[in-house]
Amino acid sequence: MKSMPVTNVSVTRGDENGEINITWDSLRHAELYVIQYSTGSRGDQKEGVSWKVADIINESNYTIKGLKKSKTYLFRVAAVTAKKQGPWSKTVKKSIDNN
């Protein structure tokens, strides 16, 4: 069985300054999800982007806290099954407002 990427990744402003809420469609065989972010401003997943793991969780939503104002971040998610990690979702870009 071929691994499917996580789809419909959505990134919205959180309740507090420096928070981002990220949601995605859950996958039937996923046991965990790996959430990564980067301060790179380009959407290219291969060149010039240094990814950091925000968390590894078993739900299809997460709030990332402590992000810096006036910065643009990239976000992506991958599902993990009992056998392996699947491909990364499409990258989603979001700027942190000064509000």
PDB file of N, CA and C in Angstrom:
ATOM      1  N   MET A   1       0.841  -1.181   0.000  1.00  0.00           N
ATOM      2  CA  MET A   1       0.000   0.000   0.000  1.00  0.00           C
ATOM      3  C   MET A   1       0.886   1.244   0.000  1.00  0.00           C
ATOM      4  N   LYS A   2       0.587   2.145  -0.915  1.00  0.00           N
ATOM      5  CA  LYS A   2       1.361   3.380  -1.038  1.00  0.00           C
ATOM      6  C   LYS A   2       0.938   4.375   0.039  1.00  0.00           C
ATOM      7  N   SER A   3       1.919   5.042   0.632  1.00  0.00           N
ATOM      8  CA  SER A   3       1.632   6.059   1.642  1.00  0.00           C
ATOM      9  C   SER A   3       1.047   7.297   0.980  1.00  0.00           C
ATOM     10  N   MET A   4       0.056   7.865   1.607  1.00  0.00           N
ATOM     11  CA  MET A   4      -0.596   9.066   1.092  1.00  0.00           C
ATOM     12  C   MET A   4      -0.117  10.279   1.879  1.00  0.00           C
ATOM     13  N   PRO A   5       0.031  11.417   1.205  1.00  0.00           N
ATOM     14  CA  PRO A   5       0.393  12.629   1.946  1.00  0.00           C
ATOM     15  C   PRO A   5      -0.813  13.171   2.715  1.00  0.00           C
ATOM     16  N   VAL A   6      -0.531  13.891   3.760  1.00  0.00           N
ATOM     17  CA  VAL A   6      -1.569  14.606   4.502  1.00  0.00           C
ATOM     18  C   VAL A   6      -2.099  15.706   3.590  1.00  0.00           C
ATOM     19  N   THR A   7      -3.423  15.921   3.604  1.00  0.00           N
ATOM     20  CA  THR A   7      -4.031  16.912   2.725  1.00  0.00           C
ATOM     21  C   THR A   7      -4.812  17.945   3.526  1.00  0.00           C
ATOM     22  N   ASN A   8      -5.162  19.017   2.841  1.00  0.00           N
ATOM     23  CA  ASN A   8      -5.970  20.100   3.401  1.00  0.00           C
ATOM     24  C   ASN A   8      -5.369  20.707   4.664  1.00  0.00           C
ATOM     25  N   VAL A   9      -4.067  20.942   4.626  1.00  0.00           N
ATOM     26  CA  VAL A   9      -3.403  21.604   5.750  1.00  0.00           C
ATOM     27  C   VAL A   9      -3.838  23.064   5.766  1.00  0.00           C
ATOM     28  N   SER A  10      -4.300  23.512   6.920  1.00  0.00           N
ATOM     29  CA  SER A  10      -4.763  24.887   7.082  1.00  0.00           C
ATOM     30  C   SER A  10      -4.052  25.511   8.272  1.00  0.00           C
ATOM     31  N   VAL A  11      -3.584  26.724   8.089  1.00  0.00           N
ATOM     32  CA  VAL A  11      -2.872  27.441   9.146  1.00  0.00           C
ATOM     33  C   VAL A  11      -3.604  28.746   9.411  1.00  0.00           C
ATOM     34  N   THR A  12      -3.995  28.957  10.664  1.00  0.00           N
ATOM     35  CA  THR A  12      -4.699  30.179  11.051  1.00  0.00           C
ATOM     36  C   THR A  12      -4.052  30.779  12.295  1.00  0.00           C
ATOM     37  N   ARG A  13      -4.330  32.045  12.504  1.00  0.00           N
ATOM     38  CA  ARG A  13      -3.816  32.746  13.679  1.00  0.00           C
ATOM     39  C   ARG A  13      -4.404  32.152  14.951  1.00  0.00           C
ATOM     40  N   GLY A  14      -3.578  31.999  15.967  1.00  0.00           N
ATOM     41  CA  GLY A  14      -4.041  31.482  17.243  1.00  0.00           C
ATOM     42  C   GLY A  14      -4.676  32.551  18.104  1.00  0.00           C
ATOM     43  N   ASP A  15      -5.115  32.165  19.294  1.00  0.00           N
ATOM     44  CA  ASP A  15      -5.762  33.090  20.218  1.00  0.00           C
ATOM     45  C   ASP A  15      -4.792  34.098  20.826  1.00  0.00           C
ATOM     46  N   GLU A  16      -3.562  33.698  21.030  1.00  0.00           N
ATOM     47  CA  GLU A  16      -2.549  34.546  21.658  1.00  0.00           C
ATOM     48  C   GLU A  16      -1.518  34.985  20.619  1.00  0.00           C
ATOM     49  N   ASN A  17      -0.773  36.048  20.924  1.00  0.00           N
ATOM     50  CA  ASN A  17       0.319  36.482  20.062  1.00  0.00           C
ATOM     51  C   ASN A  17       1.335  35.362  19.922  1.00  0.00           C
ATOM     52  N   GLY A  18       1.832  35.172  18.708  1.00  0.00           N
ATOM     53  CA  GLY A  18       2.858  34.165  18.474  1.00  0.00           C
ATOM     54  C   GLY A  18       2.328  32.747  18.362  1.00  0.00           C
ATOM     55  N   GLU A  19       1.009  32.589  18.283  1.00  0.00           N
ATOM     56  CA  GLU A  19       0.417  31.256  18.144  1.00  0.00           C
ATOM     57  C   GLU A  19      -0.144  31.056  16.741  1.00  0.00           C
ATOM     58  N   ILE A  20       0.015  29.844  16.251  1.00  0.00           N
ATOM     59  CA  ILE A  20      -0.565  29.433  14.979  1.00  0.00           C
ATOM     60  C   ILE A  20      -1.300  28.112  15.214  1.00  0.00           C
ATOM     61  N   ASN A  21      -2.532  28.039  14.728  1.00  0.00           N
ATOM     62  CA  ASN A  21      -3.299  26.796  14.761  1.00  0.00           C
ATOM     63  C   ASN A  21      -3.153  26.120  13.408  1.00  0.00           C
ATOM     64  N   ILE A  22      -2.807  24.853  13.427  1.00  0.00           N
ATOM     65  CA  ILE A  22      -2.641  24.097  12.188  1.00  0.00           C
ATOM     66  C   ILE A  22      -3.556  22.874  12.247  1.00  0.00           C
ATOM     67  N   THR A  23      -4.315  22.671  11.190  1.00  0.00           N
ATOM     68  CA  THR A  23      -5.230  21.529  11.103  1.00  0.00           C
ATOM     69  C   THR A  23      -5.044  20.844   9.754  1.00  0.00           C
ATOM     70  N   TRP A  24      -5.474  19.588   9.664  1.00  0.00           N
ATOM     71  CA  TRP A  24      -5.369  18.834   8.422  1.00  0.00           C
ATOM     72  C   TRP A  24      -6.373  17.683   8.470  1.00  0.00           C
ATOM     73  N   ASP A  25      -6.593  17.066   7.314  1.00  0.00           N
ATOM     74  CA  ASP A  25      -7.467  15.902   7.253  1.00  0.00           C
ATOM     75  C   ASP A  25      -6.726  14.695   7.798  1.00  0.00           C
ATOM     76  N   SER A  26      -7.350  13.974   8.704  1.00  0.00           N
ATOM     77  CA  SER A  26      -6.708  12.789   9.262  1.00  0.00           C
ATOM     78  C   SER A  26      -6.700  11.664   8.222  1.00  0.00           C
ATOM     79  N   LEU A  27      -5.721  10.796   8.334  1.00  0.00           N
ATOM     80  CA  LEU A  27      -5.616   9.634   7.457  1.00  0.00           C
ATOM     81  C   LEU A  27      -5.956   8.382   8.251  1.00  0.00           C
ATOM     82  N   ARG A  28      -6.666   7.486   7.630  1.00  0.00           N
ATOM     83  CA  ARG A  28      -7.203   6.310   8.313  1.00  0.00           C
ATOM     84  C   ARG A  28      -6.136   5.452   8.997  1.00  0.00           C
ATOM     85  N   HIS A  29      -5.019   5.237   8.344  1.00  0.00           N
ATOM     86  CA  HIS A  29      -3.992   4.347   8.903  1.00  0.00           C
ATOM     87  C   HIS A  29      -2.902   5.073   9.683  1.00  0.00           C
ATOM     88  N   ALA A  30      -3.031   6.365   9.845  1.00  0.00           N
ATOM     89  CA  ALA A  30      -2.000   7.127  10.561  1.00  0.00           C
ATOM     90  C   ALA A  30      -2.091   6.877  12.059  1.00  0.00           C
ATOM     91  N   GLU A  31      -0.953   6.620  12.663  1.00  0.00           N
ATOM     92  CA  GLU A  31      -0.869   6.487  14.115  1.00  0.00           C
ATOM     93  C   GLU A  31      -0.392   7.782  14.758  1.00  0.00           C
ATOM     94  N   LEU A  32       0.475   8.490  14.035  1.00  0.00           N
ATOM     95  CA  LEU A  32       1.035   9.743  14.519  1.00  0.00           C
ATOM     96  C   LEU A  32       1.175  10.713  13.354  1.00  0.00           C
ATOM     97  N   TYR A  33       1.370  11.987  13.702  1.00  0.00           N
ATOM     98  CA  TYR A  33       1.648  13.018  12.709  1.00  0.00           C
ATOM     99  C   TYR A  33       2.874  13.803  13.167  1.00  0.00           C
ATOM    100  N   VAL A  34       3.765  14.069  12.225  1.00  0.00           N
ATOM    101  CA  VAL A  34       4.945  14.891  12.485  1.00  0.00           C
ATOM    102  C   VAL A  34       4.658  16.282  11.920  1.00  0.00           C
ATOM    103  N   ILE A  35       4.808  17.295  12.761  1.00  0.00           N
ATOM    104  CA  ILE A  35       4.573  18.679  12.352  1.00  0.00           C
ATOM    105  C   ILE A  35       5.919  19.394  12.324  1.00  0.00           C
ATOM    106  N   GLN A  36       6.219  20.033  11.211  1.00  0.00           N
ATOM    107  CA  GLN A  36       7.464  20.784  11.085  1.00  0.00           C
ATOM    108  C   GLN A  36       7.164  22.212  10.663  1.00  0.00           C
ATOM    109  N   TYR A  37       8.100  23.100  11.019  1.00  0.00           N
ATOM    110  CA  TYR A  37       8.003  24.486  10.578  1.00  0.00           C
ATOM    111  C   TYR A  37       9.392  25.021  10.282  1.00  0.00           C
ATOM    112  N   SER A  38       9.424  26.096   9.530  1.00  0.00           N
ATOM    113  CA  SER A  38      10.680  26.726   9.161  1.00  0.00           C
ATOM    114  C   SER A  38      10.466  28.229   9.067  1.00  0.00           C
ATOM    115  N   THR A  39      11.521  28.978   9.293  1.00  0.00           N
ATOM    116  CA  THR A  39      11.444  30.426   9.132  1.00  0.00           C
ATOM    117  C   THR A  39      11.837  30.843   7.727  1.00  0.00           C
ATOM    118  N   GLY A  40      12.088  29.893   6.857  1.00  0.00           N
ATOM    119  CA  GLY A  40      12.380  30.220   5.470  1.00  0.00           C
ATOM    120  C   GLY A  40      11.170  30.871   4.829  1.00  0.00           C
ATOM    121  N   SER A  41      11.382  31.751   3.889  1.00  0.00           N
ATOM    122  CA  SER A  41      10.260  32.455   3.272  1.00  0.00           C
ATOM    123  C   SER A  41       9.854  31.832   1.950  1.00  0.00           C
ATOM    124  N   ARG A  42      10.609  30.851   1.477  1.00  0.00           N
ATOM    125  CA  ARG A  42      10.292  30.227   0.203  1.00  0.00           C
ATOM    126  C   ARG A  42       9.489  28.959   0.420  1.00  0.00           C
ATOM    127  N   GLY A  43       8.672  28.624  -0.538  1.00  0.00           N
ATOM    128  CA  GLY A  43       7.862  27.417  -0.451  1.00  0.00           C
ATOM    129  C   GLY A  43       8.583  26.172  -0.923  1.00  0.00           C
ATOM    130  N   ASP A  44       9.832  26.300  -1.336  1.00  0.00           N
ATOM    131  CA  ASP A  44      10.593  25.170  -1.840  1.00  0.00           C
ATOM    132  C   ASP A  44      10.978  24.261  -0.676  1.00  0.00           C
ATOM    133  N   GLN A  45      10.551  23.033  -0.726  1.00  0.00           N
ATOM    134  CA  GLN A  45      10.810  22.102   0.368  1.00  0.00           C
ATOM    135  C   GLN A  45      12.223  21.543   0.342  1.00  0.00           C
ATOM    136  N   LYS A  46      12.971  21.767  -0.742  1.00  0.00           N
ATOM    137  CA  LYS A  46      14.281  21.130  -0.862  1.00  0.00           C
ATOM    138  C   LYS A  46      15.447  22.086  -0.671  1.00  0.00           C
ATOM    139  N   GLU A  47      15.331  23.291  -1.179  1.00  0.00           N
ATOM    140  CA  GLU A  47      16.474  24.204  -1.167  1.00  0.00           C
ATOM    141  C   GLU A  47      16.334  25.305  -0.121  1.00  0.00           C
ATOM    142  N   GLY A  48      17.364  25.491   0.675  1.00  0.00           N
ATOM    143  CA  GLY A  48      17.460  26.648   1.540  1.00  0.00           C
ATOM    144  C   GLY A  48      16.481  26.708   2.692  1.00  0.00           C
ATOM    145  N   VAL A  49      15.861  25.598   3.032  1.00  0.00           N
ATOM    146  CA  VAL A  49      14.901  25.602   4.132  1.00  0.00           C
ATOM    147  C   VAL A  49      15.381  24.621   5.193  1.00  0.00           C
ATOM    148  N   SER A  50      15.494  25.111   6.414  1.00  0.00           N
ATOM    149  CA  SER A  50      15.890  24.273   7.543  1.00  0.00           C
ATOM    150  C   SER A  50      14.651  24.006   8.395  1.00  0.00           C
ATOM    151  N   TRP A  51      14.176  22.775   8.395  1.00  0.00           N
ATOM    152  CA  TRP A  51      12.945  22.410   9.096  1.00  0.00           C
ATOM    153  C   TRP A  51      13.210  22.050  10.542  1.00  0.00           C
ATOM    154  N   LYS A  52      12.282  22.429  11.420  1.00  0.00           N
ATOM    155  CA  LYS A  52      12.331  22.080  12.845  1.00  0.00           C
ATOM    156  C   LYS A  52      11.070  21.300  13.187  1.00  0.00           C
ATOM    157  N   VAL A  53      11.198  20.281  13.996  1.00  0.00           N
ATOM    158  CA  VAL A  53      10.026  19.516  14.431  1.00  0.00           C
ATOM    159  C   VAL A  53       9.329  20.295  15.535  1.00  0.00           C
ATOM    160  N   ALA A  54       8.054  20.622  15.305  1.00  0.00           N
ATOM    161  CA  ALA A  54       7.256  21.295  16.333  1.00  0.00           C
ATOM    162  C   ALA A  54       6.775  20.274  17.344  1.00  0.00           C
ATOM    163  N   ASP A  55       6.332  19.101  16.845  1.00  0.00           N
ATOM    164  CA  ASP A  55       5.832  18.049  17.726  1.00  0.00           C
ATOM    165  C   ASP A  55       5.494  16.821  16.902  1.00  0.00           C
ATOM    166  N   ILE A  56       5.281  15.725  17.604  1.00  0.00           N
ATOM    167  CA  ILE A  56       4.777  14.487  17.018  1.00  0.00           C
ATOM    168  C   ILE A  56       3.561  14.107  17.848  1.00  0.00           C
ATOM    169  N   ILE A  57       2.391  14.079  17.209  1.00  0.00           N
ATOM    170  CA  ILE A  57       1.139  13.915  17.950  1.00  0.00           C
ATOM    171  C   ILE A  57       0.240  12.884  17.271  1.00  0.00           C
ATOM    172  N   ASN A  58      -0.869  12.547  17.927  1.00  0.00           N
ATOM    173  CA  ASN A  58      -1.797  11.573  17.337  1.00  0.00           C
ATOM    174  C   ASN A  58      -3.153  12.196  16.984  1.00  0.00           C
ATOM    175  N   GLU A  59      -3.230  13.509  16.894  1.00  0.00           N
ATOM    176  CA  GLU A  59      -4.457  14.203  16.515  1.00  0.00           C
ATOM    177  C   GLU A  59      -4.228  14.976  15.222  1.00  0.00           C
ATOM    178  N   SER A  60      -5.292  15.494  14.630  1.00  0.00           N
ATOM    179  CA  SER A  60      -5.149  16.211  13.350  1.00  0.00           C
ATOM    180  C   SER A  60      -5.263  17.723  13.526  1.00  0.00           C
ATOM    181  N   ASN A  61      -4.797  18.211  14.670  1.00  0.00           N
ATOM    182  CA  ASN A  61      -4.726  19.655  14.897  1.00  0.00           C
ATOM    183  C   ASN A  61      -3.684  19.935  15.973  1.00  0.00           C
ATOM    184  N   TYR A  62      -3.115  21.125  15.899  1.00  0.00           N
ATOM    185  CA  TYR A  62      -2.048  21.459  16.838  1.00  0.00           C
ATOM    186  C   TYR A  62      -1.890  22.974  16.876  1.00  0.00           C
ATOM    187  N   THR A  63      -1.480  23.500  18.018  1.00  0.00           N
ATOM    188  CA  THR A  63      -1.165  24.916  18.159  1.00  0.00           C
ATOM    189  C   THR A  63       0.329  25.058  18.422  1.00  0.00           C
ATOM    190  N   ILE A  64       0.991  25.781  17.547  1.00  0.00           N
ATOM    191  CA  ILE A  64       2.404  26.083  17.727  1.00  0.00           C
ATOM    192  C   ILE A  64       2.491  27.423  18.428  1.00  0.00           C
ATOM    193  N   LYS A  65       3.244  27.478  19.519  1.00  0.00           N
ATOM    194  CA  LYS A  65       3.360  28.696  20.320  1.00  0.00           C
ATOM    195  C   LYS A  65       4.774  29.252  20.244  1.00  0.00           C
ATOM    196  N   GLY A  66       4.907  30.522  20.591  1.00  0.00           N
ATOM    197  CA  GLY A  66       6.223  31.140  20.703  1.00  0.00           C
ATOM    198  C   GLY A  66       6.849  31.568  19.389  1.00  0.00           C
ATOM    199  N   LEU A  67       6.036  31.740  18.356  1.00  0.00           N
ATOM    200  CA  LEU A  67       6.571  32.202  17.083  1.00  0.00           C
ATOM    201  C   LEU A  67       6.801  33.707  17.136  1.00  0.00           C
ATOM    202  N   LYS A  68       7.769  34.169  16.383  1.00  0.00           N
ATOM    203  CA  LYS A  68       8.151  35.583  16.433  1.00  0.00           C
ATOM    204  C   LYS A  68       7.284  36.427  15.503  1.00  0.00           C
ATOM    205  N   LYS A  69       6.951  37.630  15.990  1.00  0.00           N
ATOM    206  CA  LYS A  69       6.159  38.581  15.214  1.00  0.00           C
ATOM    207  C   LYS A  69       6.943  39.048  13.991  1.00  0.00           C
ATOM    208  N   SER A  70       6.211  39.460  12.985  1.00  0.00           N
ATOM    209  CA  SER A  70       6.769  40.019  11.746  1.00  0.00           C
ATOM    210  C   SER A  70       7.676  39.036  11.013  1.00  0.00           C
ATOM    211  N   LYS A  71       7.431  37.745  11.167  1.00  0.00           N
ATOM    212  CA  LYS A  71       8.191  36.725  10.455  1.00  0.00           C
ATOM    213  C   LYS A  71       7.232  35.881   9.638  1.00  0.00           C
ATOM    214  N   THR A  72       7.748  35.327   8.559  1.00  0.00           N
ATOM    215  CA  THR A  72       6.986  34.399   7.741  1.00  0.00           C
ATOM    216  C   THR A  72       7.485  32.989   8.018  1.00  0.00           C
ATOM    217  N   TYR A  73       6.556  32.076   8.223  1.00  0.00           N
ATOM    218  CA  TYR A  73       6.878  30.685   8.522  1.00  0.00           C
ATOM    219  C   TYR A  73       6.291  29.761   7.469  1.00  0.00           C
ATOM    220  N   LEU A  74       6.936  28.629   7.308  1.00  0.00           N
ATOM    221  CA  LEU A  74       6.433  27.548   6.473  1.00  0.00           C
ATOM    222  C   LEU A  74       6.057  26.388   7.389  1.00  0.00           C
ATOM    223  N   PHE A  75       4.996  25.683   7.034  1.00  0.00           N
ATOM    224  CA  PHE A  75       4.518  24.555   7.833  1.00  0.00           C
ATOM    225  C   PHE A  75       4.255  23.357   6.933  1.00  0.00           C
ATOM    226  N   ARG A  76       4.487  22.148   7.459  1.00  0.00           N
ATOM    227  CA  ARG A  76       4.156  20.923   6.742  1.00  0.00           C
ATOM    228  C   ARG A  76       3.907  19.805   7.751  1.00  0.00           C
ATOM    229  N   VAL A  77       3.186  18.772   7.300  1.00  0.00           N
ATOM    230  CA  VAL A  77       2.797  17.663   8.170  1.00  0.00           C
ATOM    231  C   VAL A  77       2.995  16.357   7.411  1.00  0.00           C
ATOM    232  N   ALA A  78       3.408  15.317   8.126  1.00  0.00           N
ATOM    233  CA  ALA A  78       3.505  13.975   7.546  1.00  0.00           C
ATOM    234  C   ALA A  78       2.856  12.981   8.498  1.00  0.00           C
ATOM    235  N   ALA A  79       2.173  12.003   7.919  1.00  0.00           N
ATOM    236  CA  ALA A  79       1.561  10.935   8.712  1.00  0.00           C
ATOM    237  C   ALA A  79       2.571   9.812   8.924  1.00  0.00           C
ATOM    238  N   VAL A  80       2.477   9.156  10.074  1.00  0.00           N
ATOM    239  CA  VAL A  80       3.321   8.011  10.378  1.00  0.00           C
ATOM    240  C   VAL A  80       2.408   6.822  10.640  1.00  0.00           C
ATOM    241  N   THR A  81       2.634   5.735   9.901  1.00  0.00           N
ATOM    242  CA  THR A  81       1.868   4.509  10.103  1.00  0.00           C
ATOM    243  C   THR A  81       2.720   3.546  10.930  1.00  0.00           C
ATOM    244  N   ALA A  82       2.220   2.351  11.135  1.00  0.00           N
ATOM    245  CA  ALA A  82       2.976   1.340  11.873  1.00  0.00           C
ATOM    246  C   ALA A  82       4.270   0.969  11.143  1.00  0.00           C
ATOM    247  N   LYS A  83       4.304   1.188   9.829  1.00  0.00           N
ATOM    248  CA  LYS A  83       5.461   0.773   9.038  1.00  0.00           C
ATOM    249  C   LYS A  83       6.453   1.885   8.731  1.00  0.00           C
ATOM    250  N   LYS A  84       5.933   3.127   8.464  1.00  0.00           N
ATOM    251  CA  LYS A  84       6.861   4.187   8.058  1.00  0.00           C
ATOM    252  C   LYS A  84       6.188   5.552   8.065  1.00  0.00           C
ATOM    253  N   GLN A  85       7.029   6.580   7.887  1.00  0.00           N
ATOM    254  CA  GLN A  85       6.518   7.938   7.711  1.00  0.00           C
ATOM    255  C   GLN A  85       6.164   8.129   6.248  1.00  0.00           C
ATOM    256  N   GLY A  86       5.029   8.757   6.006  1.00  0.00           N
ATOM    257  CA  GLY A  86       4.601   9.042   4.647  1.00  0.00           C
ATOM    258  C   GLY A  86       5.208  10.325   4.129  1.00  0.00           C
ATOM    259  N   PRO A  87       4.825  10.713   2.919  1.00  0.00           N
ATOM    260  CA  PRO A  87       5.356  11.942   2.327  1.00  0.00           C
ATOM    261  C   PRO A  87       4.833  13.186   3.038  1.00  0.00           C
ATOM    262  N   TRP A  88       5.557  14.280   2.882  1.00  0.00           N
ATOM    263  CA  TRP A  88       5.153  15.551   3.482  1.00  0.00           C
ATOM    264  C   TRP A  88       3.971  16.139   2.736  1.00  0.00           C
ATOM    265  N   SER A  89       3.149  16.857   3.470  1.00  0.00           N
ATOM    266  CA  SER A  89       2.044  17.607   2.870  1.00  0.00           C
ATOM    267  C   SER A  89       2.622  18.742   2.036  1.00  0.00           C
ATOM    268  N   LYS A  90       1.752  19.416   1.306  1.00  0.00           N
ATOM    269  CA  LYS A  90       2.168  20.649   0.654  1.00  0.00           C
ATOM    270  C   LYS A  90       2.539  21.651   1.739  1.00  0.00           C
ATOM    271  N   THR A  91       3.506  22.495   1.438  1.00  0.00           N
ATOM    272  CA  THR A  91       3.945  23.510   2.379  1.00  0.00           C
ATOM    273  C   THR A  91       2.930  24.654   2.421  1.00  0.00           C
ATOM    274  N   VAL A  92       2.630  25.113   3.635  1.00  0.00           N
ATOM    275  CA  VAL A  92       1.720  26.248   3.818  1.00  0.00           C
ATOM    276  C   VAL A  92       2.519  27.389   4.436  1.00  0.00           C
ATOM    277  N   LYS A  93       2.386  28.573   3.852  1.00  0.00           N
ATOM    278  CA  LYS A  93       3.115  29.753   4.328  1.00  0.00           C
ATOM    279  C   LYS A  93       2.175  30.650   5.110  1.00  0.00           C
ATOM    280  N   LYS A  94       2.660  31.199   6.232  1.00  0.00           N
ATOM    281  CA  LYS A  94       1.849  32.103   7.055  1.00  0.00           C
ATOM    282  C   LYS A  94       2.762  33.122   7.713  1.00  0.00           C
ATOM    283  N   SER A  95       2.356  34.390   7.656  1.00  0.00           N
ATOM    284  CA  SER A  95       3.077  35.468   8.347  1.00  0.00           C
ATOM    285  C   SER A  95       2.461  35.687   9.717  1.00  0.00           C
ATOM    286  N   ILE A  96       3.311  35.970  10.687  1.00  0.00           N
ATOM    287  CA  ILE A  96       2.852  36.265  12.043  1.00  0.00           C
ATOM    288  C   ILE A  96       2.614  37.759  12.116  1.00  0.00           C
ATOM    289  N   ASP A  97       1.383  38.143  12.430  1.00  0.00           N
ATOM    290  CA  ASP A  97       1.011  39.551  12.511  1.00  0.00           C
ATOM    291  C   ASP A  97       1.598  40.199  13.751  1.00  0.00           C
ATOM    292  N   ASN A  98       1.619  41.510  13.736  1.00  0.00           N
ATOM    293  CA  ASN A  98       2.074  42.272  14.900  1.00  0.00           C
ATOM    294  C   ASN A  98       1.006  42.428  15.942  1.00  0.00           C
ATOM    295  N   ASN A  99      -0.195  41.929  15.713  1.00  0.00           N
ATOM    296  CA  ASN A  99      -1.308  42.102  16.661  1.00  0.00           C
ATOM    297  C   ASN A  99      -1.140  41.228  17.877  1.00  0.00           C
TER     298      ASN A  99
END
